[in-house]
């Protein structure tokens, strides 16, 4: 198939991007969780109990401590920020243990859903900022592990509204179960998102 020059391709356009590599993923996630005002949507194939710097303004932060990401998620809920977390499988045991300690988050239904076909890794904040890349929501993926132990990861961030909107549409189709009817692995799915 011949390749079109950008000027000939109606979908091609220049977009401002920021390159994210290895441990810089941690910075992207911490900033997103701290600055979100309306919504945080996360998609990951693998979900573990990532340890991040304690929230800004907390005593734990002043002491230089790292806390479970579930503490950050509880903070989002307390600030009335919509949290949607979509993963391929149930979270790790340590994540579930940490979640159980935060009753307000553990008792809140509907913010965590699973689809075994999810392999995309993205983070959308306030419907305006997008991370898209290779990193799962794990310590090794986000760069929270020590040098020499973390995964080699690449990604990009952008505020380009066309890309953000496209990512949100794709995420929402999975989240709401719009993809379930045509799914050919539905029989293996423990709880289809369309509720049927």
Protein backbone atom coordinates (compact mmCIF):
# COMPACT_ATOMS: atom_id res chain seq x y z
CA UNK A 1 0.00 0.00 0.00
CA UNK A 2 1.49 3.37 -0.97
CA UNK A 3 2.19 5.72 1.88
CA UNK A 4 0.59 9.18 1.72
CA UNK A 5 2.52 12.28 2.58
CA UNK A 6 1.08 14.06 5.65
CA UNK A 7 -0.30 16.80 3.42
CA UNK A 8 -2.24 14.17 1.41
CA UNK A 9 -3.62 12.23 4.39
CA UNK A 10 -6.75 13.85 5.88
CA UNK A 11 -6.11 12.18 9.27
CA UNK A 12 -2.47 13.30 9.48
CA UNK A 13 -1.75 16.49 11.38
CA UNK A 14 0.93 17.86 13.63
CA UNK A 15 0.37 17.27 17.33
CA UNK A 16 2.32 18.47 20.36
CA UNK A 17 3.58 15.47 22.35
CA UNK A 18 5.84 14.92 25.33
CA UNK A 19 8.11 11.84 25.28
CA UNK A 20 7.96 9.70 28.46
CA UNK A 21 10.65 7.13 29.20
CA UNK A 22 11.20 4.65 32.06
CA UNK A 23 11.01 6.28 35.53
CA UNK A 24 9.41 9.47 34.14
CA UNK A 25 6.15 7.48 34.15
CA UNK A 26 6.00 7.87 37.93
CA UNK A 27 6.06 11.67 37.59
CA UNK A 28 3.21 11.57 35.06
CA UNK A 29 1.02 9.47 37.35
CA UNK A 30 1.80 11.43 40.52
CA UNK A 31 1.07 14.74 38.81
CA UNK A 32 -2.17 13.40 37.32
CA UNK A 33 -3.44 12.12 40.66
CA UNK A 34 -2.50 15.34 42.47
CA UNK A 35 -3.89 17.80 39.91
CA UNK A 36 -7.07 16.09 38.69
CA UNK A 37 -10.18 18.17 39.27
CA UNK A 38 -12.96 16.28 37.48
CA UNK A 39 -11.92 12.82 36.32
CA UNK A 40 -9.16 10.22 36.12
CA UNK A 41 -9.61 7.29 33.74
CA UNK A 42 -6.98 4.53 33.82
CA UNK A 43 -6.66 1.46 31.60
CA UNK A 44 -4.06 -1.21 32.28
CA UNK A 45 -3.58 -4.89 31.57
CA UNK A 46 -2.05 -5.50 35.00
CA UNK A 47 -2.92 -3.74 38.27
CA UNK A 48 -0.68 -3.89 41.33
CA UNK A 49 -0.26 -1.94 44.56
CA UNK A 50 2.07 0.76 43.27
CA UNK A 51 3.80 2.84 45.96
CA UNK A 52 3.95 6.55 45.18
CA UNK A 53 5.14 9.62 47.02
CA UNK A 54 2.52 10.55 49.64
CA UNK A 55 -0.05 13.18 48.58
CA UNK A 56 1.00 16.82 48.68
CA UNK A 57 0.12 18.46 51.99
CA UNK A 58 0.06 15.22 53.97
CA UNK A 59 2.16 14.45 57.04
CA UNK A 60 3.46 11.37 55.25
CA UNK A 61 4.70 13.59 52.38
CA UNK A 62 6.51 15.86 54.85
CA UNK A 63 8.27 12.78 56.20
CA UNK A 64 9.26 11.63 52.70
CA UNK A 65 7.07 8.53 52.79
CA UNK A 66 5.66 6.50 49.95
CA UNK A 67 2.10 5.20 50.18
CA UNK A 68 -0.17 2.83 48.30
CA UNK A 69 -1.80 4.19 45.18
CA UNK A 70 -5.11 3.30 46.86
CA UNK A 71 -4.50 6.23 49.24
CA UNK A 72 -4.27 8.52 46.22
CA UNK A 73 -7.43 6.96 44.77
CA UNK A 74 -9.27 7.57 48.07
CA UNK A 75 -8.08 11.18 47.91
CA UNK A 76 -9.57 11.53 44.44
CA UNK A 77 -12.91 10.21 45.70
CA UNK A 78 -12.79 12.61 48.67
CA UNK A 79 -12.27 15.49 46.21
CA UNK A 80 -15.27 14.24 44.18
CA UNK A 81 -13.06 13.36 41.21
CA UNK A 82 -14.60 10.62 39.06
CA UNK A 83 -12.30 7.57 39.04
CA UNK A 84 -12.61 4.85 36.41
CA UNK A 85 -10.08 2.03 36.46
CA UNK A 86 -10.27 -0.63 33.75
CA UNK A 87 -7.99 -3.67 33.94
CA UNK A 88 -7.71 -7.03 32.24
CA UNK A 89 -7.93 -9.02 35.46
CA UNK A 90 -8.54 -8.52 39.16
CA UNK A 91 -5.80 -6.60 40.97
CA UNK A 92 -2.96 -8.21 42.88
CA UNK A 93 -3.41 -9.46 46.45
CA UNK A 94 -1.44 -6.55 47.96
CA UNK A 95 -3.64 -4.08 46.06
CA UNK A 96 -6.79 -5.78 47.39
CA UNK A 97 -5.36 -5.74 50.94
CA UNK A 98 -4.53 -2.04 50.68
CA UNK A 99 -7.96 -1.33 49.20
CA UNK A 100 -9.68 -3.10 52.10
CA UNK A 101 -7.98 -0.68 54.52
CA UNK A 102 -9.65 2.27 52.80
CA UNK A 103 -13.30 1.57 53.48
CA UNK A 104 -14.62 4.65 51.67
CA UNK A 105 -12.93 3.45 48.50
CA UNK A 106 -13.56 -0.28 49.03
CA UNK A 107 -17.29 0.33 49.59
CA UNK A 108 -17.68 2.58 46.56
CA UNK A 109 -19.06 0.51 43.70
CA UNK A 110 -18.45 0.88 40.00
CA UNK A 111 -15.04 2.57 39.79
CA UNK A 112 -13.08 -0.65 39.06
CA UNK A 113 -14.04 -2.92 36.16
CA UNK A 114 -12.40 -5.81 34.34
CA UNK A 115 -12.31 -6.95 30.73
CA UNK A 116 -9.92 -9.78 29.84
CA UNK A 117 -9.24 -8.22 26.43
CA UNK A 118 -7.91 -4.95 27.86
CA UNK A 119 -4.29 -4.52 26.90
CA UNK A 120 -4.27 -0.77 26.37
CA UNK A 121 -2.38 1.40 28.82
CA UNK A 122 -3.69 4.91 29.14
CA UNK A 123 -4.40 7.65 31.64
CA UNK A 124 -6.86 10.44 30.88
CA UNK A 125 -7.14 13.38 33.27
CA UNK A 126 -10.09 15.80 33.28
CA UNK A 127 -10.86 14.94 29.66
CA UNK A 128 -7.97 17.17 28.60
CA UNK A 129 -4.69 15.29 29.13
CA UNK A 130 -3.71 11.87 27.84
CA UNK A 131 -0.90 9.44 28.58
CA UNK A 132 -0.64 6.59 26.09
CA UNK A 133 2.18 4.06 26.23
CA UNK A 134 3.48 0.68 27.27
CA UNK A 135 3.43 0.92 31.08
CA UNK A 136 1.07 -1.21 33.14
CA UNK A 137 -0.11 0.14 36.49
CA UNK A 138 2.59 -1.72 38.40
CA UNK A 139 5.78 -0.69 40.19
CA UNK A 140 7.92 -2.18 37.45
CA UNK A 141 5.86 -0.49 34.75
CA UNK A 142 5.63 2.96 36.27
CA UNK A 143 9.25 3.13 37.33
CA UNK A 144 8.59 3.00 41.07
CA UNK A 145 11.15 0.21 41.44
CA UNK A 146 14.88 0.80 41.76
CA UNK A 147 17.13 1.28 38.75
CA UNK A 148 17.99 -2.08 37.24
CA UNK A 149 14.63 -3.61 38.31
CA UNK A 150 12.04 -1.52 36.52
CA UNK A 151 10.77 -2.30 33.04
CA UNK A 152 11.94 -0.43 29.97
CA UNK A 153 8.86 1.64 29.08
CA UNK A 154 7.94 4.28 26.52
CA UNK A 155 4.96 6.55 26.20
CA UNK A 156 3.69 9.96 25.22
CA UNK A 157 1.52 12.61 26.80
CA UNK A 158 -0.56 15.15 24.95
CA UNK A 159 -3.37 17.62 25.41
CA UNK A 160 -4.42 17.34 21.77
CA UNK A 161 -8.22 17.29 21.93
CA UNK A 162 -8.64 14.98 18.92
CA UNK A 163 -6.40 12.30 20.47
CA UNK A 164 -7.88 12.77 23.96
CA UNK A 165 -11.43 12.49 22.60
CA UNK A 166 -10.58 9.39 20.55
CA UNK A 167 -8.98 7.70 23.57
CA UNK A 168 -11.98 8.56 25.74
CA UNK A 169 -14.41 7.16 23.17
CA UNK A 170 -12.47 3.88 22.98
CA UNK A 171 -12.19 3.61 26.77
CA UNK A 172 -15.89 4.38 27.24
CA UNK A 173 -16.99 1.75 24.69
CA UNK A 174 -15.15 -0.89 26.71
CA UNK A 175 -16.21 0.55 30.10
CA UNK A 176 -19.92 0.60 29.24
CA UNK A 177 -19.92 -2.87 27.67
CA UNK A 178 -20.55 -1.65 24.12
CA UNK A 179 -17.84 -4.08 22.92
CA UNK A 180 -19.31 -7.10 24.75
CA UNK A 181 -21.97 -8.16 22.24
CA UNK A 182 -19.42 -8.82 19.48
CA UNK A 183 -16.72 -10.25 21.74
CA UNK A 184 -15.56 -13.71 20.70
CA UNK A 185 -14.10 -14.52 24.13
CA UNK A 186 -17.28 -13.62 26.00
CA UNK A 187 -17.71 -17.21 27.24
CA UNK A 188 -14.44 -16.92 29.18
CA UNK A 189 -15.41 -13.53 30.67
CA UNK A 190 -16.38 -13.87 34.34
CA UNK A 191 -18.61 -10.75 34.30
CA UNK A 192 -19.32 -9.10 30.93
CA UNK A 193 -19.52 -5.32 31.27
CA UNK A 194 -22.83 -5.11 29.44
CA UNK A 195 -24.39 -7.02 32.36
CA UNK A 196 -25.95 -9.73 30.18
